[in-house]
Amino acid sequence: MEKVFSFKDILPYLIPLILLQLVLMIVALLDLIRRKRAKGPKWLWAIVIIFINIIGPIVYLLFGREESDAGDSD
């Protein structure tokens, strides 16, 4: 017999992924808000961060930030 998985079976595996996604999204959005400039339009980076799960915030943190311009350095 083939076992059918229920949502309760996979929930313990989903919770850490959901938490990771939320933490990455919050960190990336806070960084985007605090910076004066990003590599490209900030509104586009916000869409990428919010709608492209897990990968979006990582892509922004690796490639979207302008390293020499931190918003809180003034």
C-alpha atoms as a PDB file:
ATOM      1  CA  MET A   1       0.000   0.000   0.000  1.00  0.00           C
ATOM      2  CA  GLU A   2       1.145   3.472  -0.801  1.00  0.00           C
ATOM      3  CA  LYS A   3       1.192   5.951   2.066  1.00  0.00           C
ATOM      4  CA  VAL A   4      -0.522   9.273   1.438  1.00  0.00           C
ATOM      5  CA  PHE A   5       1.182  12.201   3.135  1.00  0.00           C
ATOM      6  CA  SER A   6      -0.931  14.741   4.918  1.00  0.00           C
ATOM      7  CA  PHE A   7      -0.164  18.352   5.671  1.00  0.00           C
ATOM      8  CA  LYS A   8       0.613  17.394   9.287  1.00  0.00           C
ATOM      9  CA  ASP A   9       3.383  15.101   8.054  1.00  0.00           C
ATOM     10  CA  ILE A  10       5.255  17.824   6.191  1.00  0.00           C
ATOM     11  CA  LEU A  11       4.528  20.737   8.553  1.00  0.00           C
ATOM     12  CA  PRO A  12       7.686  20.202  10.672  1.00  0.00           C
ATOM     13  CA  TYR A  13       9.749  20.573   7.482  1.00  0.00           C
ATOM     14  CA  LEU A  14       7.865  23.630   6.246  1.00  0.00           C
ATOM     15  CA  ILE A  15       8.135  25.730   9.421  1.00  0.00           C
ATOM     16  CA  PRO A  16      11.936  26.254   9.204  1.00  0.00           C
ATOM     17  CA  LEU A  17      11.644  27.138   5.491  1.00  0.00           C
ATOM     18  CA  ILE A  18       8.884  29.646   6.202  1.00  0.00           C
ATOM     19  CA  LEU A  19      10.904  31.202   9.024  1.00  0.00           C
ATOM     20  CA  LEU A  20      13.991  31.391   6.790  1.00  0.00           C
ATOM     21  CA  GLN A  21      11.953  33.092   4.058  1.00  0.00           C
ATOM     22  CA  LEU A  22      10.520  35.648   6.492  1.00  0.00           C
ATOM     23  CA  VAL A  23      13.909  36.476   8.037  1.00  0.00           C
ATOM     24  CA  LEU A  24      15.572  36.861   4.626  1.00  0.00           C
ATOM     25  CA  MET A  25      12.730  39.016   3.347  1.00  0.00           C
ATOM     26  CA  ILE A  26      12.766  41.305   6.405  1.00  0.00           C
ATOM     27  CA  VAL A  27      16.566  41.710   6.341  1.00  0.00           C
ATOM     28  CA  ALA A  28      16.596  42.447   2.611  1.00  0.00           C
ATOM     29  CA  LEU A  29      13.692  44.916   2.789  1.00  0.00           C
ATOM     30  CA  LEU A  30      15.217  46.762   5.750  1.00  0.00           C
ATOM     31  CA  ASP A  31      18.527  46.984   3.909  1.00  0.00           C
ATOM     32  CA  LEU A  32      16.777  48.246   0.775  1.00  0.00           C
ATOM     33  CA  ILE A  33      14.889  50.911   2.739  1.00  0.00           C
ATOM     34  CA  ARG A  34      18.024  52.136   4.533  1.00  0.00           C
ATOM     35  CA  ARG A  35      20.156  52.478   1.403  1.00  0.00           C
ATOM     36  CA  LYS A  36      20.027  55.648  -0.651  1.00  0.00           C
ATOM     37  CA  ARG A  37      20.709  53.767  -3.890  1.00  0.00           C
ATOM     38  CA  ALA A  38      20.568  50.228  -5.223  1.00  0.00           C
ATOM     39  CA  LYS A  39      21.741  48.709  -8.481  1.00  0.00           C
ATOM     40  CA  GLY A  40      18.518  49.344 -10.339  1.00  0.00           C
ATOM     41  CA  PRO A  41      15.139  50.757  -9.295  1.00  0.00           C
ATOM     42  CA  LYS A  42      14.359  50.231  -5.616  1.00  0.00           C
ATOM     43  CA  TRP A  43      10.700  49.466  -6.388  1.00  0.00           C
ATOM     44  CA  LEU A  44      11.771  46.623  -8.668  1.00  0.00           C
ATOM     45  CA  TRP A  45      14.056  45.177  -6.004  1.00  0.00           C
ATOM     46  CA  ALA A  46      11.162  45.341  -3.509  1.00  0.00           C
ATOM     47  CA  ILE A  47       9.015  43.273  -5.899  1.00  0.00           C
ATOM     48  CA  VAL A  48      11.831  40.744  -6.398  1.00  0.00           C
ATOM     49  CA  ILE A  49      12.388  40.454  -2.638  1.00  0.00           C
ATOM     50  CA  ILE A  50       8.704  39.999  -1.817  1.00  0.00           C
ATOM     51  CA  PHE A  51       7.493  37.788  -4.654  1.00  0.00           C
ATOM     52  CA  ILE A  52      10.441  35.530  -5.489  1.00  0.00           C
ATOM     53  CA  ASN A  53      10.577  33.261  -2.457  1.00  0.00           C
ATOM     54  CA  ILE A  54      13.912  32.687  -0.702  1.00  0.00           C
ATOM     55  CA  ILE A  55      15.899  33.350  -3.898  1.00  0.00           C
ATOM     56  CA  GLY A  56      14.706  36.966  -4.305  1.00  0.00           C
ATOM     57  CA  PRO A  57      16.172  38.288  -1.045  1.00  0.00           C
ATOM     58  CA  ILE A  58      19.399  36.356  -1.614  1.00  0.00           C
ATOM     59  CA  VAL A  59      19.763  37.781  -5.142  1.00  0.00           C
ATOM     60  CA  TYR A  60      19.215  41.309  -3.796  1.00  0.00           C
ATOM     61  CA  LEU A  61      21.687  40.871  -0.938  1.00  0.00           C
ATOM     62  CA  LEU A  62      24.347  39.498  -3.296  1.00  0.00           C
ATOM     63  CA  PHE A  63      23.865  41.644  -6.401  1.00  0.00           C
ATOM     64  CA  GLY A  64      21.451  44.521  -5.765  1.00  0.00           C
ATOM     65  CA  ARG A  65      23.226  46.536  -3.123  1.00  0.00           C
ATOM     66  CA  GLU A  66      25.660  49.340  -3.825  1.00  0.00           C
ATOM     67  CA  GLU A  67      28.498  48.528  -1.462  1.00  0.00           C
ATOM     68  CA  SER A  68      29.860  52.056  -1.043  1.00  0.00           C
ATOM     69  CA  ASP A  69      26.518  53.656  -0.125  1.00  0.00           C
ATOM     70  CA  ALA A  70      25.005  52.744   3.234  1.00  0.00           C
ATOM     71  CA  GLY A  71      22.028  54.912   4.104  1.00  0.00           C
ATOM     72  CA  ASP A  72      22.903  55.333   7.769  1.00  0.00           C
ATOM     73  CA  SER A  73      26.516  56.494   7.176  1.00  0.00           C
ATOM     74  CA  ASP A  74      25.612  60.225   7.020  1.00  0.00           C
END
